[in-house]
Amino acid sequence: MARETDIHNDTRTHSSAERAQQILKDADLCVKCGLCLAHCPTYLKSQDEGDSPRGRIALAQGLAAGRLSPTARVQAHLSGCLVCRACETACPSAVPYARLIDAARAEMAVRRPPHLFHRLLRWTAVEGVVRHEQMTAFGVRSVAALRNALAGRMPARLASGNRSALGRALDYLPQLAGHQARQPFYPAAGAQRGRVALFLGCVARHLDQQTASAAVHLLTQWGYEVHVPPTQACCGALYVHDGAPEAAQRLLLANLEAFARHEVQAVVTTATGCAATLLEYPRLARADPALRTAASRLAEKVVDISHFLAGEPWPRGVSLAPRPARVAVHEPCTLRHAMAPAPGVCDLLRRIPELDVVRLPAALRCCGAAGTNMLTHPATADALAFDTLDVVAEIGADSLVTSNIGCALHLAAALRARGRDTEVLHAARFLSRQLVGSPG
């Protein structure tokens, strides 16, 4: 594979005119039938046509055609979309809504630069985390320790929907265990079946290290040697969905180079938001044939860890300890609408003796996390999270399992705001805890 700098120099980005043409082409597929309305979480909350898929498509059309100015109101409607892609699943005309809304946000960012808070948030979550990992690890742990020490003295507003964006960000920090240095290679336990690579993500590598450790444990017990490329970067989702495609391309290039160094049969992820973005790499590679080929090669190997393990034979000599409890399983939108259906979380958890596994109903829609949406649109985000927690309470679940770090942080914070101690964790962590024995 060519060096990152060579590919970067050859990469051509869309001009504003080309982007506008693509928006108009995609928008023309929408027949404004309204079948998407009943599936859109933001429209169901606001009943505002501007917060519906077809309303946002109309706004994007007007913006691309030059009939609309990039006003604060237009920006609010476009930025308020969760990109849950439920409308894509329901659309009879196969409108590529996610591609359209991402392009519209990129066009809006050119004409009306995002607020300083958004830019700082993106830098902190991506550039700071990945490029200055050791400093970020120290900073995250220091802030979390301070937050935990002051937990009993924090103003009540930080536990309500009225807390500031900074207060919300602090509230999302979980209790952190000791820092775990990640090795670049882990050998298979027992007879080796194959080789896989593990994608860490940016936020999860600091805020959910236990899930990465659980993933390594499970994969090695299943007979796979695990490679963790040390130069891997953020998937780019925050940039893709926040109107900064050029920045996302830099991360794409870094990941293509990092993972091309390893001949593996699968690139396993523990966050469905990352997996959905990695699967979109061929589209994000745009017009460069060589780059698109490399992106397709990587995307073909991307798989969620639950899907991967559920599709593999159970390792001999390994069993699961009983767990007499009830667990509620939350399916992130990225798993439900952006990835192909496959055996997964529920199939794995139902192997645990005495565990009652209840999948949350699809009618709940999005939980409201949606990348940075939980910080930038708190009212909608909290309302959607509380809808989910109401059902979890009705089920009487002891634990809540979800496959995306953003959803986990958002739902856990909402539980704390309600004074509840229900544990929120990834299926890999839940399964790893119950694993006993060694592979034969």
Protein backbone atom coordinates (compact mmCIF):
# COMPACT_ATOMS: atom_id res chain seq x y z
CA MET A 1 0.00 0.00 0.00
CA ALA A 2 1.25 3.51 -0.75
CA ARG A 3 2.44 5.66 2.12
CA GLU A 4 -0.21 7.81 3.80
CA THR A 5 1.45 11.04 2.62
CA ASP A 6 1.48 9.85 -1.00
CA ILE A 7 -2.20 8.91 -0.91
CA HIS A 8 -3.08 12.14 0.87
CA ASN A 9 -1.35 14.21 -1.83
CA ASP A 10 -3.28 12.35 -4.55
CA THR A 11 -6.67 12.62 -2.84
CA ARG A 12 -9.15 15.08 -4.34
CA THR A 13 -11.97 16.42 -2.15
CA HIS A 14 -15.37 17.49 -3.39
CA SER A 15 -15.75 21.15 -4.15
CA SER A 16 -18.80 22.95 -2.85
CA ALA A 17 -20.34 22.83 -6.35
CA GLU A 18 -19.85 19.07 -6.65
CA ARG A 19 -21.28 18.57 -3.17
CA ALA A 20 -24.33 20.66 -4.04
CA GLN A 21 -24.91 18.57 -7.16
CA GLN A 22 -24.75 15.36 -5.12
CA ILE A 23 -27.20 16.76 -2.57
CA LEU A 24 -29.69 17.68 -5.31
CA LYS A 25 -29.30 14.28 -6.99
CA ASP A 26 -29.94 12.39 -3.74
CA ALA A 27 -32.77 14.71 -2.70
CA ASP A 28 -34.57 14.17 -6.02
CA LEU A 29 -35.13 10.55 -4.99
CA CYS A 30 -37.38 11.68 -2.14
CA VAL A 31 -41.04 11.71 -3.20
CA LYS A 32 -42.12 13.39 0.07
CA CYS A 33 -44.48 10.50 0.87
CA GLY A 34 -44.02 10.95 4.62
CA LEU A 35 -43.58 7.27 5.45
CA CYS A 36 -40.41 8.26 7.28
CA LEU A 37 -42.22 10.50 9.77
CA ALA A 38 -43.39 7.70 12.04
CA HIS A 39 -39.81 6.43 12.32
CA CYS A 40 -38.00 9.71 13.02
CA PRO A 41 -37.21 10.22 16.73
CA THR A 42 -36.75 14.00 16.50
CA TYR A 43 -39.97 14.56 14.54
CA LEU A 44 -41.95 12.40 16.96
CA LYS A 45 -40.71 14.59 19.81
CA SER A 46 -41.09 18.02 18.21
CA GLN A 47 -43.85 17.47 15.61
CA ASP A 48 -41.96 20.07 13.57
CA GLU A 49 -41.69 19.29 9.86
CA GLY A 50 -38.23 20.84 9.85
CA ASP A 51 -37.14 18.08 12.24
CA SER A 52 -38.38 15.31 9.94
CA PRO A 53 -36.34 13.53 7.25
CA ARG A 54 -38.34 14.98 4.37
CA GLY A 55 -38.24 18.43 5.99
CA ARG A 56 -34.46 18.26 6.33
CA ILE A 57 -34.18 17.01 2.75
CA ALA A 58 -36.18 20.02 1.58
CA LEU A 59 -33.88 22.32 3.56
CA ALA A 60 -30.81 20.64 2.06
CA GLN A 61 -32.31 21.08 -1.42
CA GLY A 62 -32.92 24.76 -0.82
CA LEU A 63 -29.42 25.23 0.56
CA ALA A 64 -27.74 23.38 -2.34
CA ALA A 65 -29.84 25.18 -4.97
CA GLY A 66 -29.11 28.59 -3.47
CA ARG A 67 -32.74 29.25 -2.55
CA LEU A 68 -32.06 29.21 1.21
CA SER A 69 -29.52 31.13 3.23
CA PRO A 70 -27.50 29.26 5.90
CA THR A 71 -29.43 30.79 8.77
CA ALA A 72 -29.25 29.71 12.40
CA ARG A 73 -32.69 28.11 12.06
CA VAL A 74 -31.64 26.00 9.06
CA GLN A 75 -28.49 25.01 10.89
CA ALA A 76 -30.50 24.00 13.97
CA HIS A 77 -32.77 21.69 11.96
CA LEU A 78 -29.87 20.05 10.11
CA SER A 79 -27.66 19.68 13.19
CA GLY A 80 -30.54 18.25 15.21
CA CYS A 81 -30.72 15.10 13.10
CA LEU A 82 -29.51 12.02 14.99
CA VAL A 83 -28.45 10.23 11.77
CA CYS A 84 -30.06 7.13 13.24
CA ARG A 85 -30.97 6.06 9.67
CA ALA A 86 -34.35 4.68 10.68
CA CYS A 87 -35.79 6.68 7.79
CA GLU A 88 -33.51 4.83 5.36
CA THR A 89 -34.90 1.52 6.56
CA ALA A 90 -38.48 2.75 6.05
CA CYS A 91 -37.93 4.66 2.78
CA PRO A 92 -39.57 3.04 -0.29
CA SER A 93 -37.42 5.17 -2.62
CA ALA A 94 -34.07 4.15 -1.10
CA VAL A 95 -33.01 7.73 -0.43
CA PRO A 96 -29.37 7.66 0.84
CA TYR A 97 -30.33 9.94 3.70
CA ALA A 98 -27.15 9.62 5.77
CA ARG A 99 -25.01 10.60 2.79
CA LEU A 100 -27.35 13.49 2.03
CA ILE A 101 -27.46 14.91 5.56
CA ASP A 102 -23.68 14.57 5.97
CA ALA A 103 -23.16 16.50 2.72
CA ALA A 104 -25.68 19.16 3.77
CA ARG A 105 -23.86 19.66 7.06
CA ALA A 106 -20.53 19.93 5.24
CA GLU A 107 -22.04 22.58 2.97
CA MET A 108 -23.48 24.40 5.97
CA ALA A 109 -20.09 24.31 7.72
CA VAL A 110 -18.51 26.07 4.72
CA ARG A 111 -21.14 28.80 4.68
CA ARG A 112 -21.69 29.06 8.44
CA PRO A 113 -18.71 27.76 10.47
CA PRO A 114 -19.64 25.69 13.52
CA HIS A 115 -19.63 27.15 17.01
CA LEU A 116 -16.32 27.20 18.85
CA PHE A 117 -17.66 24.61 21.30
CA HIS A 118 -18.26 22.15 18.45
CA ARG A 119 -14.76 22.63 17.10
CA LEU A 120 -13.23 22.22 20.55
CA LEU A 121 -15.32 19.12 21.18
CA ARG A 122 -14.16 17.51 17.93
CA TRP A 123 -10.52 18.33 18.65
CA THR A 124 -10.70 16.97 22.19
CA ALA A 125 -12.49 13.77 21.20
CA VAL A 126 -10.37 13.02 18.14
CA GLU A 127 -7.14 14.97 17.69
CA GLY A 128 -6.32 15.20 21.39
CA VAL A 129 -7.25 11.60 22.20
CA VAL A 130 -5.46 9.91 19.31
CA ARG A 131 -2.42 12.11 18.73
CA HIS A 132 -1.62 12.81 22.38
CA GLU A 133 -2.81 9.58 23.96
CA GLN A 134 -0.65 9.55 27.10
CA MET A 135 -1.50 13.15 27.95
CA THR A 136 -5.18 12.50 27.27
CA ALA A 137 -5.15 9.40 29.48
CA PHE A 138 -3.72 11.42 32.36
CA GLY A 139 -6.17 14.28 31.78
CA VAL A 140 -9.24 12.05 31.55
CA ARG A 141 -8.33 10.15 34.69
CA SER A 142 -7.54 13.30 36.64
CA VAL A 143 -10.84 14.95 35.71
CA ALA A 144 -12.77 11.75 36.45
CA ALA A 145 -11.11 11.43 39.85
CA LEU A 146 -11.97 15.04 40.69
CA ARG A 147 -15.55 14.54 39.49
CA ASN A 148 -15.92 11.40 41.61
CA ALA A 149 -14.45 13.12 44.69
CA LEU A 150 -16.91 16.00 44.36
CA ALA A 151 -19.87 13.85 43.34
CA GLY A 152 -21.76 14.44 46.55
CA ARG A 153 -21.25 18.21 46.38
CA MET A 154 -22.04 18.87 42.70
CA PRO A 155 -24.93 21.26 42.01
CA ALA A 156 -28.26 19.58 41.40
CA ARG A 157 -28.48 21.15 37.95
CA LEU A 158 -25.68 18.84 36.77
CA ALA A 159 -28.06 15.94 37.29
CA SER A 160 -30.81 17.52 35.28
CA GLY A 161 -31.51 18.34 31.66
CA ASN A 162 -30.56 21.97 32.41
CA ARG A 163 -26.90 21.28 33.16
CA SER A 164 -24.39 22.99 30.89
CA ALA A 165 -22.57 21.25 28.04
CA LEU A 166 -19.43 21.16 30.19
CA GLY A 167 -21.40 19.84 33.14
CA ARG A 168 -22.94 17.16 30.94
CA ALA A 169 -19.52 16.18 29.58
CA LEU A 170 -18.24 15.74 33.14
CA ASP A 171 -21.33 13.78 34.08
CA TYR A 172 -20.70 11.33 31.23
CA LEU A 173 -17.29 10.32 32.61
CA PRO A 174 -17.67 6.85 34.14
CA GLN A 175 -15.90 5.38 37.15
CA LEU A 176 -12.50 4.42 35.71
CA ALA A 177 -10.47 1.38 36.68
CA GLY A 178 -6.68 1.38 36.65
CA HIS A 179 -5.05 2.30 33.33
CA GLN A 180 -4.29 -0.75 31.19
CA ALA A 181 -1.48 -0.56 28.65
CA ARG A 182 -2.62 -2.13 25.39
CA GLN A 183 -0.23 -4.61 23.78
CA PRO A 184 0.09 -4.75 19.97
CA PHE A 185 -0.28 -8.56 19.93
CA TYR A 186 -2.04 -11.25 21.96
CA PRO A 187 -1.52 -14.96 21.17
CA ALA A 188 -4.42 -17.38 20.81
CA ALA A 189 -5.26 -19.63 23.75
CA GLY A 190 -5.19 -23.27 22.73
CA ALA A 191 -5.38 -24.31 19.10
CA GLN A 192 -5.23 -21.32 16.76
CA ARG A 193 -8.16 -20.74 14.40
CA GLY A 194 -6.97 -17.57 12.76
CA ARG A 195 -5.86 -13.96 13.10
CA VAL A 196 -7.97 -10.86 13.74
CA ALA A 197 -7.30 -7.18 14.37
CA LEU A 198 -9.07 -5.16 17.07
CA PHE A 199 -10.30 -1.63 16.38
CA LEU A 200 -10.21 0.45 19.57
CA GLY A 201 -11.92 3.71 18.62
CA CYS A 202 -11.01 7.03 20.26
CA VAL A 203 -13.41 7.61 23.14
CA ALA A 204 -13.61 3.94 24.12
CA ARG A 205 -9.85 3.49 24.40
CA HIS A 206 -9.91 5.70 27.51
CA LEU A 207 -13.45 5.54 28.86
CA ASP A 208 -14.13 1.83 28.33
CA GLN A 209 -10.85 -0.05 28.52
CA GLN A 210 -12.59 -2.96 30.23
CA THR A 211 -14.51 -3.75 27.06
CA ALA A 212 -11.33 -3.86 24.97
CA SER A 213 -9.76 -6.20 27.53
CA ALA A 214 -12.87 -8.39 27.50
CA ALA A 215 -12.79 -8.48 23.69
CA VAL A 216 -9.17 -9.64 23.70
CA HIS A 217 -10.00 -12.27 26.33
CA LEU A 218 -12.92 -13.66 24.34
CA LEU A 219 -11.16 -13.62 20.97
CA THR A 220 -8.07 -15.39 22.30
CA GLN A 221 -10.24 -17.95 24.10
CA TRP A 222 -12.01 -18.55 20.79
CA GLY A 223 -8.62 -19.41 19.29
CA TYR A 224 -7.67 -16.17 17.55
CA GLU A 225 -4.44 -14.25 17.79
CA VAL A 226 -5.31 -10.61 18.19
CA HIS A 227 -3.41 -7.70 16.64
CA VAL A 228 -4.00 -4.18 17.96
CA PRO A 229 -2.34 -1.77 15.49
CA PRO A 230 -0.74 0.96 17.65
CA THR A 231 -1.01 3.59 14.90
CA GLN A 232 -4.76 3.19 14.39
CA ALA A 233 -6.83 6.37 14.69
CA CYS A 234 -10.41 7.41 15.41
CA CYS A 235 -12.87 6.06 12.83
CA GLY A 236 -13.85 9.63 11.91
CA ALA A 237 -17.57 9.41 12.71
CA LEU A 238 -17.61 12.66 14.67
CA TYR A 239 -16.13 14.50 11.71
CA VAL A 240 -18.24 12.73 9.06
CA HIS A 241 -21.51 13.63 10.77
CA ASP A 242 -20.45 17.12 11.82
CA GLY A 243 -19.64 18.60 8.42
CA ALA A 244 -15.87 18.03 8.31
CA PRO A 245 -15.26 15.37 5.61
CA GLU A 246 -11.68 16.47 4.91
CA ALA A 247 -10.72 15.83 8.54
CA ALA A 248 -12.44 12.43 8.38
CA GLN A 249 -10.34 11.60 5.33
CA ARG A 250 -7.12 12.10 7.29
CA LEU A 251 -8.29 9.54 9.82
CA LEU A 252 -9.38 7.17 7.05
CA LEU A 253 -5.89 7.34 5.55
CA ALA A 254 -4.26 6.64 8.92
CA ASN A 255 -6.47 3.59 9.52
CA LEU A 256 -5.97 2.17 6.05
CA GLU A 257 -2.22 2.32 6.56
CA ALA A 258 -2.36 0.92 10.11
CA PHE A 259 -4.53 -2.09 9.30
CA ALA A 260 -2.95 -2.85 5.91
CA ARG A 261 0.17 -3.96 7.78
CA HIS A 262 -1.66 -6.98 9.21
CA GLU A 263 -2.96 -9.95 7.22
CA VAL A 264 -6.10 -10.77 9.20
CA GLN A 265 -9.43 -12.35 8.36
CA ALA A 266 -11.49 -9.83 10.33
CA VAL A 267 -11.26 -6.34 11.82
CA VAL A 268 -13.31 -6.67 15.01
CA THR A 269 -14.98 -3.66 16.61
CA THR A 270 -16.63 -3.19 20.00
CA ALA A 271 -18.52 0.01 19.09
CA THR A 272 -21.20 -0.16 16.41
CA GLY A 273 -20.79 3.55 15.67
CA CYS A 274 -17.18 2.89 14.66
CA ALA A 275 -18.15 -0.20 12.68
CA ALA A 276 -20.81 1.69 10.73
CA THR A 277 -18.28 4.38 9.79
CA LEU A 278 -15.59 1.87 8.80
CA LEU A 279 -18.16 0.17 6.56
CA GLU A 280 -18.69 3.56 4.89
CA TYR A 281 -15.01 4.01 4.07
CA PRO A 282 -15.41 3.09 0.36
CA ARG A 283 -17.92 5.95 -0.01
CA LEU A 284 -15.79 8.34 2.02
CA ALA A 285 -12.77 7.51 -0.17
CA ARG A 286 -14.67 9.23 -2.98
CA ALA A 287 -13.15 9.45 -6.47
CA ASP A 288 -9.67 8.00 -5.93
CA PRO A 289 -9.74 4.40 -7.35
CA ALA A 290 -6.70 3.15 -5.41
CA LEU A 291 -7.96 4.63 -2.17
CA ARG A 292 -11.45 3.24 -2.74
CA THR A 293 -10.03 -0.24 -3.39
CA ALA A 294 -8.03 -0.13 -0.14
CA ALA A 295 -11.09 1.16 1.74
CA SER A 296 -13.26 -1.63 0.32
CA ARG A 297 -10.68 -4.21 1.33
CA LEU A 298 -10.79 -2.96 4.92
CA ALA A 299 -14.59 -2.58 5.01
CA GLU A 300 -15.10 -6.18 3.87
CA LYS A 301 -13.36 -7.37 7.03
CA VAL A 302 -15.17 -5.15 9.55
CA VAL A 303 -17.47 -7.01 11.94
CA ASP A 304 -19.00 -6.33 15.36
CA ILE A 305 -17.52 -8.62 18.01
CA SER A 306 -20.90 -10.08 19.00
CA HIS A 307 -21.69 -10.94 15.38
CA PHE A 308 -18.24 -12.45 14.98
CA LEU A 309 -18.34 -14.65 18.07
CA ALA A 310 -21.94 -15.74 17.56
CA GLY A 311 -21.04 -16.99 14.08
CA GLU A 312 -18.08 -19.06 15.30
CA PRO A 313 -18.15 -22.59 16.80
CA TRP A 314 -18.04 -22.53 20.60
CA PRO A 315 -14.51 -23.30 21.85
CA ARG A 316 -14.04 -26.73 23.40
CA GLY A 317 -13.25 -26.75 27.10
CA VAL A 318 -14.83 -23.33 27.70
CA SER A 319 -18.15 -22.92 29.48
CA LEU A 320 -20.22 -20.17 31.08
CA ALA A 321 -21.05 -19.81 34.76
CA PRO A 322 -24.76 -19.38 35.61
CA ARG A 323 -26.09 -15.87 36.20
CA PRO A 324 -29.57 -15.77 37.78
CA ALA A 325 -30.54 -12.29 36.64
CA ARG A 326 -32.44 -10.35 33.99
CA VAL A 327 -30.61 -8.29 31.39
CA ALA A 328 -32.13 -5.80 28.95
CA VAL A 329 -30.44 -5.60 25.53
CA HIS A 330 -30.37 -2.25 23.77
CA GLU A 331 -29.67 -2.26 20.01
CA PRO A 332 -27.91 0.92 18.87
CA CYS A 333 -29.26 2.53 15.71
CA THR A 334 -25.99 1.87 13.92
CA LEU A 335 -26.39 -1.86 14.55
CA ARG A 336 -30.06 -1.89 13.56
CA HIS A 337 -30.01 0.33 10.48
CA ALA A 338 -26.42 0.59 9.20
CA MET A 339 -25.19 -2.99 9.54
CA ALA A 340 -26.42 -6.23 8.04
CA PRO A 341 -28.61 -8.35 10.38
CA ALA A 342 -26.66 -11.20 11.94
CA PRO A 343 -26.62 -13.40 15.04
CA GLY A 344 -25.29 -11.30 17.85
CA VAL A 345 -25.74 -10.06 21.37
CA CYS A 346 -28.89 -11.92 22.38
CA ASP A 347 -27.64 -15.20 20.88
CA LEU A 348 -24.46 -15.00 22.93
CA LEU A 349 -26.05 -13.90 26.19
CA ARG A 350 -28.71 -16.63 26.01
CA ARG A 351 -25.92 -19.19 26.31
CA ILE A 352 -25.42 -18.08 29.93
CA PRO A 353 -27.36 -20.46 32.21
CA GLU A 354 -30.21 -18.91 34.24
CA LEU A 355 -29.87 -15.51 32.54
CA ASP A 356 -33.14 -13.97 31.34
CA VAL A 357 -32.37 -11.93 28.21
CA VAL A 358 -34.94 -9.34 27.09
CA ARG A 359 -34.42 -7.31 23.91
CA LEU A 360 -35.78 -3.78 24.14
CA PRO A 361 -38.56 -3.14 21.60
CA ALA A 362 -37.62 -1.49 18.30
CA ALA A 363 -40.39 1.05 18.85
CA LEU A 364 -38.10 2.89 21.28
CA ARG A 365 -36.16 4.38 18.36
CA CYS A 366 -32.86 6.12 19.12
CA CYS A 367 -31.62 6.56 22.70
CA GLY A 368 -30.52 10.12 21.87
CA ALA A 369 -26.74 9.72 22.21
CA ALA A 370 -25.90 10.09 18.49
CA GLY A 371 -22.25 11.13 18.75
CA THR A 372 -22.06 14.66 20.14
CA ASN A 373 -25.84 15.15 20.03
CA MET A 374 -26.12 14.22 23.70
CA LEU A 375 -24.02 17.31 24.49
CA THR A 376 -25.29 19.75 21.86
CA HIS A 377 -29.04 18.90 21.97
CA PRO A 378 -29.61 17.96 25.62
CA ALA A 379 -33.40 18.28 25.78
CA THR A 380 -34.08 15.83 22.94
CA ALA A 381 -31.24 13.54 24.00
CA ASP A 382 -32.53 13.26 27.57
CA ALA A 383 -36.15 12.79 26.50
CA LEU A 384 -35.17 9.87 24.27
CA ALA A 385 -32.91 8.34 26.94
CA PHE A 386 -35.69 8.50 29.52
CA ASP A 387 -38.06 6.75 27.09
CA THR A 388 -35.57 3.89 27.00
CA LEU A 389 -35.09 3.81 30.75
CA ASP A 390 -38.84 3.71 31.35
CA VAL A 391 -38.98 0.41 29.46
CA VAL A 392 -35.89 -0.92 31.25
CA ALA A 393 -37.64 -0.17 34.55
CA GLU A 394 -40.81 -1.96 33.40
CA ILE A 395 -38.74 -5.00 32.45
CA GLY A 396 -37.09 -4.99 35.85
CA ALA A 397 -33.63 -5.53 34.40
CA ASP A 398 -30.60 -5.85 36.66
CA SER A 399 -28.24 -4.80 33.85
CA LEU A 400 -28.48 -2.96 30.54
CA VAL A 401 -26.31 -4.18 27.66
CA THR A 402 -25.54 -2.03 24.63
CA SER A 403 -23.00 -2.32 21.81
CA ASN A 404 -21.94 1.31 21.43
CA ILE A 405 -19.82 3.45 23.75
CA GLY A 406 -21.86 6.62 23.11
CA CYS A 407 -25.13 4.90 23.96
CA ALA A 408 -23.57 3.36 27.06
CA LEU A 409 -22.27 6.69 28.39
CA HIS A 410 -25.55 8.46 27.63
CA LEU A 411 -27.82 5.84 29.19
CA ALA A 412 -25.56 5.43 32.23
CA ALA A 413 -25.62 9.20 32.85
CA ALA A 414 -29.41 9.23 32.51
CA LEU A 415 -29.66 6.38 35.04
CA ARG A 416 -27.48 8.29 37.50
CA ALA A 417 -29.64 11.38 36.99
CA ARG A 418 -32.62 9.26 38.06
CA GLY A 419 -30.76 7.91 41.08
CA ARG A 420 -30.60 4.36 39.75
CA ASP A 421 -27.58 2.06 39.90
CA THR A 422 -28.43 -0.30 37.02
CA GLU A 423 -25.13 -1.32 35.43
CA VAL A 424 -24.65 -0.45 31.75
CA LEU A 425 -22.03 -2.50 29.95
CA HIS A 426 -21.01 -4.10 26.67
CA ALA A 427 -21.99 -7.69 25.87
CA ALA A 428 -18.29 -8.61 25.65
CA ARG A 429 -17.76 -7.59 29.27
CA PHE A 430 -20.88 -9.43 30.40
CA LEU A 431 -19.87 -12.62 28.58
CA SER A 432 -16.22 -12.45 29.61
CA ARG A 433 -17.19 -12.31 33.30
CA GLN A 434 -19.05 -15.61 33.00
CA LEU A 435 -16.41 -17.44 30.99
CA VAL A 436 -14.79 -20.39 32.82
CA GLY A 437 -12.32 -23.06 31.70
CA SER A 438 -9.66 -23.02 29.03
CA PRO A 439 -9.91 -23.99 25.38
CA GLY A 440 -8.85 -27.54 24.57
